[in-house]
Amino acid sequence: MSLTHLRVMLEYFHPWTNAAGLYVASRNGWYRDAGLDVELTVFDALRGDTLEHLARGEVHLGVFPTNRLLVRSAAGQPLQGVASINHRGMETIQTVAGRGIARPRDLEGKRLALNPTPRGVAMVRHLVAADGGDPDAVVLVDSGHRELSVDDIAAGTVDATFGGYWAWDALFAQLPGSQRIVWPVDEIGAPPYHSYLLGTGPALTDPALLDTFLQVTARGYRAATDDPAGTLDVLDRVIPYFPRAILARSLELIAPTWWHGEQWGEIREDLMTPYTAWLAQNAILPADFDWRQAVRAASAPVRALPR
């Protein structure tokens, strides 16, 4: 049987547990059984993020943050979201005990490290203001692409961080849990949003091919959720340099974010509309931008191919 090659680019500098469904489907041969030769890869950061690779037609599908897709779509780039990966925001504000920071407004006068993108700065300001604080009083520290940890905070580098994920980065700290303070942004006032979407660019134009890929991928995410032990065996093949205990805990935390009820892949209006409005209010998107122009019309829940 002749296989159709599909190159799929992940969202981060290296694979992590959020890609488990893709790897499970690949390892079990389910893509191959459906006639697909799926190559999973990560981006070359010196050539841009996943969306830049997609826009240049260098990959067929990719995983990316929702806000970045919307910004590029508003600029007229031929990119399209086709399925959701996560139904929650991943980011956190983190600090440590003893810094006088018990709630977001306590960040006034404190040094908070982040990658100061327009969206990141707007989110920090929003979260502080939502708690009655003065966002202008927060001292923002540019940490670039490096995610500082609570260990860096404990060492005195900064007082708090924004951006690390509660289902990943926050798990690597050496500081005892009793001394850590971790606030997922969607628990302290952030608008609801899909943290990551799966989408296409100009290299993939066959709707039937895309539907087959999505159906197999949904099967992979179902299996990754239902069989964590087997999933960890697969992850050992692709990210063996991370401790098993951290991978297990990350998988336990992140798997529920892949589902809306029992459905995988639905791009939800109740998450997209308020998030788009928030991005527009913060001048990250044009005021009249409609998120639907960035999403395939048939982005309904995906029916997985049989196990």
C-alpha atoms as a PDB file:
ATOM      1  CA  MET A   1       0.000   0.000   0.000  1.00  0.00           C
ATOM      2  CA  SER A   2       1.307   3.429  -0.956  1.00  0.00           C
ATOM      3  CA  LEU A   3       1.346   5.803   2.027  1.00  0.00           C
ATOM      4  CA  THR A   4       0.760   9.553   1.944  1.00  0.00           C
ATOM      5  CA  HIS A   5       3.452  11.437   3.819  1.00  0.00           C
ATOM      6  CA  LEU A   6       2.283  14.061   6.318  1.00  0.00           C
ATOM      7  CA  ARG A   7       4.748  16.180   8.288  1.00  0.00           C
ATOM      8  CA  VAL A   8       3.274  17.347  11.605  1.00  0.00           C
ATOM      9  CA  MET A   9       5.078  19.965  13.679  1.00  0.00           C
ATOM     10  CA  LEU A  10       4.636  20.190  17.450  1.00  0.00           C
ATOM     11  CA  GLU A  11       4.274  23.381  19.466  1.00  0.00           C
ATOM     12  CA  TYR A  12       7.381  23.439  21.604  1.00  0.00           C
ATOM     13  CA  PHE A  13      11.175  23.175  21.460  1.00  0.00           C
ATOM     14  CA  HIS A  14      10.888  19.471  22.244  1.00  0.00           C
ATOM     15  CA  PRO A  15       8.074  16.909  22.510  1.00  0.00           C
ATOM     16  CA  TRP A  16       6.177  16.834  25.798  1.00  0.00           C
ATOM     17  CA  THR A  17       3.111  15.083  27.137  1.00  0.00           C
ATOM     18  CA  ASN A  18       0.679  17.290  25.198  1.00  0.00           C
ATOM     19  CA  ALA A  19       1.676  15.385  22.056  1.00  0.00           C
ATOM     20  CA  ALA A  20       1.008  11.973  23.601  1.00  0.00           C
ATOM     21  CA  GLY A  21      -2.015  11.205  21.435  1.00  0.00           C
ATOM     22  CA  LEU A  22      -0.056  11.782  18.249  1.00  0.00           C
ATOM     23  CA  TYR A  23       2.790   9.569  19.387  1.00  0.00           C
ATOM     24  CA  VAL A  24       0.474   6.795  20.584  1.00  0.00           C
ATOM     25  CA  ALA A  25      -1.303   6.736  17.224  1.00  0.00           C
ATOM     26  CA  SER A  26       2.036   6.639  15.426  1.00  0.00           C
ATOM     27  CA  ARG A  27       3.623   3.984  17.642  1.00  0.00           C
ATOM     28  CA  ASN A  28       0.603   1.684  17.318  1.00  0.00           C
ATOM     29  CA  GLY A  29       0.652   1.934  13.518  1.00  0.00           C
ATOM     30  CA  TRP A  30      -2.793   3.497  13.279  1.00  0.00           C
ATOM     31  CA  TYR A  31      -1.728   6.228  10.870  1.00  0.00           C
ATOM     32  CA  ARG A  32      -0.046   3.632   8.673  1.00  0.00           C
ATOM     33  CA  ASP A  33      -3.156   1.476   8.750  1.00  0.00           C
ATOM     34  CA  ALA A  34      -5.110   4.475   7.458  1.00  0.00           C
ATOM     35  CA  GLY A  35      -2.665   5.025   4.605  1.00  0.00           C
ATOM     36  CA  LEU A  36      -0.655   7.807   6.227  1.00  0.00           C
ATOM     37  CA  ASP A  37       3.088   8.100   6.762  1.00  0.00           C
ATOM     38  CA  VAL A  38       3.082  10.631   9.612  1.00  0.00           C
ATOM     39  CA  GLU A  39       6.328  12.323  10.607  1.00  0.00           C
ATOM     40  CA  LEU A  40       6.238  14.126  13.957  1.00  0.00           C
ATOM     41  CA  THR A  41       8.785  16.891  14.362  1.00  0.00           C
ATOM     42  CA  VAL A  42       9.571  20.094  16.257  1.00  0.00           C
ATOM     43  CA  PHE A  43      10.359  23.528  14.858  1.00  0.00           C
ATOM     44  CA  ASP A  44      13.751  25.063  14.255  1.00  0.00           C
ATOM     45  CA  ALA A  45      13.502  28.091  16.559  1.00  0.00           C
ATOM     46  CA  LEU A  46      16.056  29.985  14.484  1.00  0.00           C
ATOM     47  CA  ARG A  47      13.677  29.734  11.499  1.00  0.00           C
ATOM     48  CA  GLY A  48      10.507  30.571  13.393  1.00  0.00           C
ATOM     49  CA  ASP A  49       7.694  28.893  15.275  1.00  0.00           C
ATOM     50  CA  THR A  50       5.331  26.209  14.015  1.00  0.00           C
ATOM     51  CA  LEU A  51       3.039  28.724  12.321  1.00  0.00           C
ATOM     52  CA  GLU A  52       5.915  30.196  10.334  1.00  0.00           C
ATOM     53  CA  HIS A  53       6.888  26.732   9.107  1.00  0.00           C
ATOM     54  CA  LEU A  54       3.228  26.068   8.243  1.00  0.00           C
ATOM     55  CA  ALA A  55       2.842  29.356   6.379  1.00  0.00           C
ATOM     56  CA  ARG A  56       5.893  28.568   4.250  1.00  0.00           C
ATOM     57  CA  GLY A  57       4.392  25.187   3.351  1.00  0.00           C
ATOM     58  CA  GLU A  58       7.222  23.255   5.000  1.00  0.00           C
ATOM     59  CA  VAL A  59       4.860  21.116   7.091  1.00  0.00           C
ATOM     60  CA  HIS A  60       1.340  19.875   6.490  1.00  0.00           C
ATOM     61  CA  LEU A  61      -0.083  20.288   9.995  1.00  0.00           C
ATOM     62  CA  GLY A  62       1.043  21.874  13.219  1.00  0.00           C
ATOM     63  CA  VAL A  63       0.139  22.578  16.831  1.00  0.00           C
ATOM     64  CA  PHE A  64       0.222  26.209  17.963  1.00  0.00           C
ATOM     65  CA  PRO A  65      -1.184  28.717  20.466  1.00  0.00           C
ATOM     66  CA  THR A  66      -4.639  30.008  19.566  1.00  0.00           C
ATOM     67  CA  ASN A  67      -3.709  33.678  19.838  1.00  0.00           C
ATOM     68  CA  ARG A  68      -0.820  33.337  17.382  1.00  0.00           C
ATOM     69  CA  LEU A  69      -3.095  31.753  14.791  1.00  0.00           C
ATOM     70  CA  LEU A  70      -5.631  34.563  15.153  1.00  0.00           C
ATOM     71  CA  VAL A  71      -2.982  37.267  14.761  1.00  0.00           C
ATOM     72  CA  ARG A  72      -1.590  35.660  11.621  1.00  0.00           C
ATOM     73  CA  SER A  73      -5.048  35.071  10.197  1.00  0.00           C
ATOM     74  CA  ALA A  74      -5.910  38.732  10.772  1.00  0.00           C
ATOM     75  CA  ALA A  75      -2.768  39.573   8.785  1.00  0.00           C
ATOM     76  CA  GLY A  76      -4.042  37.480   5.870  1.00  0.00           C
ATOM     77  CA  GLN A  77      -1.828  34.415   6.171  1.00  0.00           C
ATOM     78  CA  PRO A  78      -3.244  31.147   4.721  1.00  0.00           C
ATOM     79  CA  LEU A  79      -3.502  29.275   8.021  1.00  0.00           C
ATOM     80  CA  GLN A  80      -6.468  27.464   9.516  1.00  0.00           C
ATOM     81  CA  GLY A  81      -7.304  25.821  12.822  1.00  0.00           C
ATOM     82  CA  VAL A  82      -8.913  22.416  12.324  1.00  0.00           C
ATOM     83  CA  ALA A  83      -9.137  20.909  15.830  1.00  0.00           C
ATOM     84  CA  SER A  84      -8.545  21.812  19.445  1.00  0.00           C
ATOM     85  CA  ILE A  85      -5.857  20.170  21.540  1.00  0.00           C
ATOM     86  CA  ASN A  86      -6.559  21.761  24.930  1.00  0.00           C
ATOM     87  CA  HIS A  87      -9.739  23.171  26.457  1.00  0.00           C
ATOM     88  CA  ARG A  88      -7.912  25.111  29.173  1.00  0.00           C
ATOM     89  CA  GLY A  89      -5.161  27.678  29.418  1.00  0.00           C
ATOM     90  CA  MET A  90      -1.841  26.170  30.479  1.00  0.00           C
ATOM     91  CA  GLU A  91      -0.031  29.190  31.895  1.00  0.00           C
ATOM     92  CA  THR A  92       0.548  30.093  35.507  1.00  0.00           C
ATOM     93  CA  ILE A  93       1.769  32.821  37.746  1.00  0.00           C
ATOM     94  CA  GLN A  94       4.261  31.284  40.169  1.00  0.00           C
ATOM     95  CA  THR A  95       5.926  32.594  43.295  1.00  0.00           C
ATOM     96  CA  VAL A  96       7.211  31.245  46.611  1.00  0.00           C
ATOM     97  CA  ALA A  97       6.164  31.573  50.227  1.00  0.00           C
ATOM     98  CA  GLY A  98       7.646  34.422  52.205  1.00  0.00           C
ATOM     99  CA  ARG A  99       7.586  37.040  49.425  1.00  0.00           C
ATOM    100  CA  GLY A 100       4.416  38.717  50.598  1.00  0.00           C
ATOM    101  CA  ILE A 101       2.526  37.570  47.510  1.00  0.00           C
ATOM    102  CA  ALA A 102      -0.706  35.872  48.504  1.00  0.00           C
ATOM    103  CA  ARG A 103      -2.859  36.987  45.560  1.00  0.00           C
ATOM    104  CA  PRO A 104      -2.328  38.633  42.143  1.00  0.00           C
ATOM    105  CA  ARG A 105      -2.676  42.214  43.363  1.00  0.00           C
ATOM    106  CA  ASP A 106       0.258  41.605  45.712  1.00  0.00           C
ATOM    107  CA  LEU A 107       2.495  41.669  42.639  1.00  0.00           C
ATOM    108  CA  GLU A 108       2.499  45.464  42.921  1.00  0.00           C
ATOM    109  CA  GLY A 109       6.103  46.538  43.401  1.00  0.00           C
ATOM    110  CA  LYS A 110       7.393  42.993  42.753  1.00  0.00           C
ATOM    111  CA  ARG A 111       9.656  41.736  39.957  1.00  0.00           C
ATOM    112  CA  LEU A 112       7.766  39.393  37.639  1.00  0.00           C
ATOM    113  CA  ALA A 113       9.660  37.565  34.905  1.00  0.00           C
ATOM    114  CA  LEU A 114       8.027  36.770  31.559  1.00  0.00           C
ATOM    115  CA  ASN A 115       8.557  36.771  27.834  1.00  0.00           C
ATOM    116  CA  PRO A 116       7.088  40.268  27.279  1.00  0.00           C
ATOM    117  CA  THR A 117       5.015  39.601  24.171  1.00  0.00           C
ATOM    118  CA  PRO A 118       2.028  41.939  23.723  1.00  0.00           C
ATOM    119  CA  ARG A 119      -0.298  39.128  24.737  1.00  0.00           C
ATOM    120  CA  GLY A 120       1.822  38.100  27.751  1.00  0.00           C
ATOM    121  CA  VAL A 121       2.067  41.644  29.087  1.00  0.00           C
ATOM    122  CA  ALA A 122      -1.665  42.175  28.526  1.00  0.00           C
ATOM    123  CA  MET A 123      -2.474  38.972  30.421  1.00  0.00           C
ATOM    124  CA  VAL A 124      -0.372  39.920  33.443  1.00  0.00           C
ATOM    125  CA  ARG A 125      -1.919  43.380  33.535  1.00  0.00           C
ATOM    126  CA  HIS A 126      -5.394  41.886  33.234  1.00  0.00           C
ATOM    127  CA  LEU A 127      -4.856  39.401  36.066  1.00  0.00           C
ATOM    128  CA  VAL A 128      -3.482  42.023  38.440  1.00  0.00           C
ATOM    129  CA  ALA A 129      -6.253  44.497  37.603  1.00  0.00           C
ATOM    130  CA  ALA A 130      -8.918  41.772  37.941  1.00  0.00           C
ATOM    131  CA  ASP A 131      -7.789  41.355  41.549  1.00  0.00           C
ATOM    132  CA  GLY A 132      -8.000  45.074  42.245  1.00  0.00           C
ATOM    133  CA  GLY A 133      -4.282  45.781  41.829  1.00  0.00           C
ATOM    134  CA  ASP A 134      -2.398  48.405  39.837  1.00  0.00           C
ATOM    135  CA  PRO A 135      -0.776  46.715  36.838  1.00  0.00           C
ATOM    136  CA  ASP A 136       1.497  49.718  36.298  1.00  0.00           C
ATOM    137  CA  ALA A 137       3.136  48.972  39.662  1.00  0.00           C
ATOM    138  CA  VAL A 138       4.339  45.503  38.626  1.00  0.00           C
ATOM    139  CA  VAL A 139       8.026  45.430  37.654  1.00  0.00           C
ATOM    140  CA  LEU A 140       8.268  43.341  34.487  1.00  0.00           C
ATOM    141  CA  VAL A 141      11.535  41.482  33.902  1.00  0.00           C
ATOM    142  CA  ASP A 142      12.289  40.231  30.378  1.00  0.00           C
ATOM    143  CA  SER A 143      13.304  36.566  30.629  1.00  0.00           C
ATOM    144  CA  GLY A 144      13.031  35.957  26.879  1.00  0.00           C
ATOM    145  CA  HIS A 145      12.189  32.390  25.899  1.00  0.00           C
ATOM    146  CA  ARG A 146      13.666  30.944  29.074  1.00  0.00           C
ATOM    147  CA  GLU A 147      11.065  29.799  31.611  1.00  0.00           C
ATOM    148  CA  LEU A 148      12.333  30.719  35.068  1.00  0.00           C
ATOM    149  CA  SER A 149      11.233  28.324  37.800  1.00  0.00           C
ATOM    150  CA  VAL A 150      10.276  28.669  41.440  1.00  0.00           C
ATOM    151  CA  ASP A 151      13.856  27.628  42.179  1.00  0.00           C
ATOM    152  CA  ASP A 152      15.014  30.805  40.408  1.00  0.00           C
ATOM    153  CA  ILE A 153      12.509  32.772  42.471  1.00  0.00           C
ATOM    154  CA  ALA A 154      13.758  31.164  45.675  1.00  0.00           C
ATOM    155  CA  ALA A 155      17.330  32.085  44.663  1.00  0.00           C
ATOM    156  CA  GLY A 156      16.293  35.743  44.467  1.00  0.00           C
ATOM    157  CA  THR A 157      16.451  36.196  40.701  1.00  0.00           C
ATOM    158  CA  VAL A 158      12.889  37.580  40.630  1.00  0.00           C
ATOM    159  CA  ASP A 159       9.808  37.556  42.871  1.00  0.00           C
ATOM    160  CA  ALA A 160       7.395  35.778  40.525  1.00  0.00           C
ATOM    161  CA  THR A 161       7.029  34.424  37.008  1.00  0.00           C
ATOM    162  CA  PHE A 162       4.356  34.283  34.346  1.00  0.00           C
ATOM    163  CA  GLY A 163       4.148  31.697  31.589  1.00  0.00           C
ATOM    164  CA  GLY A 164       5.249  28.319  32.931  1.00  0.00           C
ATOM    165  CA  TYR A 165       2.646  25.578  32.553  1.00  0.00           C
ATOM    166  CA  TRP A 166       0.942  23.982  35.550  1.00  0.00           C
ATOM    167  CA  ALA A 167       1.011  20.645  33.723  1.00  0.00           C
ATOM    168  CA  TRP A 168       4.700  20.808  32.799  1.00  0.00           C
ATOM    169  CA  ASP A 169       7.192  23.507  33.874  1.00  0.00           C
ATOM    170  CA  ALA A 170       5.815  23.731  37.407  1.00  0.00           C
ATOM    171  CA  LEU A 171       6.581  20.033  37.933  1.00  0.00           C
ATOM    172  CA  PHE A 172      10.355  20.369  37.601  1.00  0.00           C
ATOM    173  CA  ALA A 173      11.062  22.544  40.642  1.00  0.00           C
ATOM    174  CA  GLN A 174      13.283  21.245  43.435  1.00  0.00           C
ATOM    175  CA  LEU A 175      11.656  23.528  46.005  1.00  0.00           C
ATOM    176  CA  PRO A 176       9.264  21.626  48.313  1.00  0.00           C
ATOM    177  CA  GLY A 177       5.629  21.900  47.302  1.00  0.00           C
ATOM    178  CA  SER A 178       4.679  23.556  50.578  1.00  0.00           C
ATOM    179  CA  GLN A 179       6.849  26.541  49.618  1.00  0.00           C
ATOM    180  CA  ARG A 180       5.510  26.953  46.085  1.00  0.00           C
ATOM    181  CA  ILE A 181       2.571  29.128  45.019  1.00  0.00           C
ATOM    182  CA  VAL A 182       1.151  28.237  41.601  1.00  0.00           C
ATOM    183  CA  TRP A 183      -1.886  29.985  40.116  1.00  0.00           C
ATOM    184  CA  PRO A 184      -3.263  28.677  36.793  1.00  0.00           C
ATOM    185  CA  VAL A 185      -4.378  31.784  34.942  1.00  0.00           C
ATOM    186  CA  ASP A 186      -7.849  30.437  34.214  1.00  0.00           C
ATOM    187  CA  GLU A 187      -8.430  30.216  37.979  1.00  0.00           C
ATOM    188  CA  ILE A 188      -7.542  33.869  38.669  1.00  0.00           C
ATOM    189  CA  GLY A 189      -9.497  35.796  36.071  1.00  0.00           C
ATOM    190  CA  ALA A 190      -8.144  34.995  32.594  1.00  0.00           C
ATOM    191  CA  PRO A 191     -10.686  34.679  29.785  1.00  0.00           C
ATOM    192  CA  PRO A 192     -11.387  31.072  28.749  1.00  0.00           C
ATOM    193  CA  TYR A 193      -9.419  29.826  25.763  1.00  0.00           C
ATOM    194  CA  HIS A 194      -7.980  26.840  23.953  1.00  0.00           C
ATOM    195  CA  SER A 195      -4.313  26.835  24.863  1.00  0.00           C
ATOM    196  CA  TYR A 196      -3.380  24.941  21.699  1.00  0.00           C
ATOM    197  CA  LEU A 197      -5.023  24.205  18.385  1.00  0.00           C
ATOM    198  CA  LEU A 198      -4.067  21.895  15.551  1.00  0.00           C
ATOM    199  CA  GLY A 199      -4.089  23.444  12.119  1.00  0.00           C
ATOM    200  CA  THR A 200      -3.003  23.442   8.501  1.00  0.00           C
ATOM    201  CA  GLY A 201      -1.299  25.693   5.984  1.00  0.00           C
ATOM    202  CA  PRO A 202      -1.007  25.716   2.198  1.00  0.00           C
ATOM    203  CA  ALA A 203       0.755  22.326   2.041  1.00  0.00           C
ATOM    204  CA  LEU A 204      -2.404  20.363   2.919  1.00  0.00           C
ATOM    205  CA  THR A 205      -5.443  20.920   0.725  1.00  0.00           C
ATOM    206  CA  ASP A 206      -7.176  17.511   0.631  1.00  0.00           C
ATOM    207  CA  PRO A 207     -10.194  17.551   3.029  1.00  0.00           C
ATOM    208  CA  ALA A 208     -10.545  13.763   2.979  1.00  0.00           C
ATOM    209  CA  LEU A 209      -6.889  13.310   3.905  1.00  0.00           C
ATOM    210  CA  LEU A 210      -7.286  15.794   6.740  1.00  0.00           C
ATOM    211  CA  ASP A 211     -10.414  14.069   8.041  1.00  0.00           C
ATOM    212  CA  THR A 212      -8.622  10.721   8.106  1.00  0.00           C
ATOM    213  CA  PHE A 213      -5.708  12.219  10.024  1.00  0.00           C
ATOM    214  CA  LEU A 214      -8.057  13.806  12.577  1.00  0.00           C
ATOM    215  CA  GLN A 215     -10.009  10.593  13.105  1.00  0.00           C
ATOM    216  CA  VAL A 216      -6.836   8.599  13.769  1.00  0.00           C
ATOM    217  CA  THR A 217      -5.478  11.347  16.015  1.00  0.00           C
ATOM    218  CA  ALA A 218      -8.663  11.356  18.073  1.00  0.00           C
ATOM    219  CA  ARG A 219      -8.177   7.610  18.542  1.00  0.00           C
ATOM    220  CA  GLY A 220      -4.627   8.268  19.677  1.00  0.00           C
ATOM    221  CA  TYR A 221      -5.691  10.815  22.285  1.00  0.00           C
ATOM    222  CA  ARG A 222      -8.412   8.474  23.542  1.00  0.00           C
ATOM    223  CA  ALA A 223      -5.870   5.696  24.017  1.00  0.00           C
ATOM    224  CA  ALA A 224      -3.344   8.068  25.607  1.00  0.00           C
ATOM    225  CA  THR A 225      -5.994   9.058  28.141  1.00  0.00           C
ATOM    226  CA  ASP A 226      -7.306   5.557  28.843  1.00  0.00           C
ATOM    227  CA  ASP A 227      -3.948   3.766  29.061  1.00  0.00           C
ATOM    228  CA  PRO A 228      -1.437   6.042  30.823  1.00  0.00           C
ATOM    229  CA  ALA A 229       0.999   3.190  31.503  1.00  0.00           C
ATOM    230  CA  GLY A 230       1.139   2.263  27.841  1.00  0.00           C
ATOM    231  CA  THR A 231       1.422   5.937  26.934  1.00  0.00           C
ATOM    232  CA  LEU A 232       4.419   6.370  29.219  1.00  0.00           C
ATOM    233  CA  ASP A 233       6.091   3.447  27.445  1.00  0.00           C
ATOM    234  CA  VAL A 234       5.643   5.336  24.172  1.00  0.00           C
ATOM    235  CA  LEU A 235       6.927   8.591  25.661  1.00  0.00           C
ATOM    236  CA  ASP A 236      10.029   6.756  26.868  1.00  0.00           C
ATOM    237  CA  ARG A 237      10.899   6.306  23.188  1.00  0.00           C
ATOM    238  CA  VAL A 238      10.595   9.975  22.242  1.00  0.00           C
ATOM    239  CA  ILE A 239      11.511  11.928  25.412  1.00  0.00           C
ATOM    240  CA  PRO A 240      13.608   9.527  27.504  1.00  0.00           C
ATOM    241  CA  TYR A 241      15.568  12.387  29.078  1.00  0.00           C
ATOM    242  CA  PHE A 242      12.712  13.431  31.408  1.00  0.00           C
ATOM    243  CA  PRO A 243      12.046  11.606  34.692  1.00  0.00           C
ATOM    244  CA  ARG A 244       9.266   9.026  34.475  1.00  0.00           C
ATOM    245  CA  ALA A 245       7.562  10.391  37.596  1.00  0.00           C
ATOM    246  CA  ILE A 246       7.286  13.862  36.052  1.00  0.00           C
ATOM    247  CA  LEU A 247       5.963  12.466  32.785  1.00  0.00           C
ATOM    248  CA  ALA A 248       3.367  10.444  34.689  1.00  0.00           C
ATOM    249  CA  ARG A 249       2.197  13.429  36.710  1.00  0.00           C
ATOM    250  CA  SER A 250       2.141  15.685  33.661  1.00  0.00           C
ATOM    251  CA  LEU A 251       0.093  13.147  31.706  1.00  0.00           C
ATOM    252  CA  GLU A 252      -2.353  12.833  34.597  1.00  0.00           C
ATOM    253  CA  LEU A 253      -2.812  16.599  34.707  1.00  0.00           C
ATOM    254  CA  ILE A 254      -2.992  17.353  31.018  1.00  0.00           C
ATOM    255  CA  ALA A 255      -5.102  14.476  29.685  1.00  0.00           C
ATOM    256  CA  PRO A 256      -8.409  15.971  30.939  1.00  0.00           C
ATOM    257  CA  THR A 257      -7.702  19.170  28.972  1.00  0.00           C
ATOM    258  CA  TRP A 258      -7.937  17.224  25.701  1.00  0.00           C
ATOM    259  CA  TRP A 259     -11.645  16.568  26.145  1.00  0.00           C
ATOM    260  CA  HIS A 260     -14.908  18.445  26.178  1.00  0.00           C
ATOM    261  CA  GLY A 261     -17.114  15.800  27.698  1.00  0.00           C
ATOM    262  CA  GLU A 262     -16.289  12.742  25.623  1.00  0.00           C
ATOM    263  CA  GLN A 263     -15.422  14.720  22.499  1.00  0.00           C
ATOM    264  CA  TRP A 264     -11.970  15.421  21.118  1.00  0.00           C
ATOM    265  CA  GLY A 265     -11.085  18.198  18.714  1.00  0.00           C
ATOM    266  CA  GLU A 266     -14.046  20.573  18.912  1.00  0.00           C
ATOM    267  CA  ILE A 267     -13.117  24.237  18.512  1.00  0.00           C
ATOM    268  CA  ARG A 268     -15.645  25.807  20.828  1.00  0.00           C
ATOM    269  CA  GLU A 269     -17.422  29.103  20.344  1.00  0.00           C
ATOM    270  CA  ASP A 270     -17.695  29.566  24.121  1.00  0.00           C
ATOM    271  CA  LEU A 271     -13.892  29.612  24.321  1.00  0.00           C
ATOM    272  CA  MET A 272     -13.048  31.350  21.056  1.00  0.00           C
ATOM    273  CA  THR A 273     -15.478  34.271  21.251  1.00  0.00           C
ATOM    274  CA  PRO A 274     -14.496  35.704  24.661  1.00  0.00           C
ATOM    275  CA  TYR A 275     -10.810  35.153  23.988  1.00  0.00           C
ATOM    276  CA  THR A 276     -10.987  36.905  20.622  1.00  0.00           C
ATOM    277  CA  ALA A 277     -12.853  39.796  22.234  1.00  0.00           C
ATOM    278  CA  TRP A 278     -10.205  40.032  24.961  1.00  0.00           C
ATOM    279  CA  LEU A 279      -7.387  40.042  22.411  1.00  0.00           C
ATOM    280  CA  ALA A 280      -9.165  42.784  20.473  1.00  0.00           C
ATOM    281  CA  GLN A 281      -9.729  44.838  23.623  1.00  0.00           C
ATOM    282  CA  ASN A 282      -5.990  44.694  24.223  1.00  0.00           C
ATOM    283  CA  ALA A 283      -5.157  45.766  20.645  1.00  0.00           C
ATOM    284  CA  ILE A 284      -3.653  42.388  19.784  1.00  0.00           C
ATOM    285  CA  LEU A 285      -6.347  41.793  17.157  1.00  0.00           C
ATOM    286  CA  PRO A 286      -8.357  44.257  15.061  1.00  0.00           C
ATOM    287  CA  ALA A 287     -11.624  45.246  16.738  1.00  0.00           C
ATOM    288  CA  ASP A 288     -13.723  43.754  13.916  1.00  0.00           C
ATOM    289  CA  PHE A 289     -11.845  40.454  13.616  1.00  0.00           C
ATOM    290  CA  ASP A 290     -14.004  37.305  13.480  1.00  0.00           C
ATOM    291  CA  TRP A 291     -12.215  34.189  14.749  1.00  0.00           C
ATOM    292  CA  ARG A 292     -14.283  32.029  12.398  1.00  0.00           C
ATOM    293  CA  GLN A 293     -12.184  33.175   9.450  1.00  0.00           C
ATOM    294  CA  ALA A 294      -9.224  31.389  11.062  1.00  0.00           C
ATOM    295  CA  VAL A 295     -11.011  28.072  11.646  1.00  0.00           C
ATOM    296  CA  ARG A 296     -12.259  25.378   9.293  1.00  0.00           C
ATOM    297  CA  ALA A 297     -16.033  25.499   9.210  1.00  0.00           C
ATOM    298  CA  ALA A 298     -16.283  21.765   9.904  1.00  0.00           C
ATOM    299  CA  SER A 299     -14.419  21.994  13.222  1.00  0.00           C
ATOM    300  CA  ALA A 300     -17.044  19.892  14.992  1.00  0.00           C
ATOM    301  CA  PRO A 301     -16.166  17.079  17.398  1.00  0.00           C
ATOM    302  CA  VAL A 302     -14.059  14.468  15.623  1.00  0.00           C
ATOM    303  CA  ARG A 303     -15.290  10.879  15.409  1.00  0.00           C
ATOM    304  CA  ALA A 304     -12.357   8.566  16.054  1.00  0.00           C
ATOM    305  CA  LEU A 305     -11.672   5.635  13.788  1.00  0.00           C
ATOM    306  CA  PRO A 306     -12.460   2.326  15.552  1.00  0.00           C
ATOM    307  CA  ARG A 307      -9.889   0.900  17.941  1.00  0.00           C
END
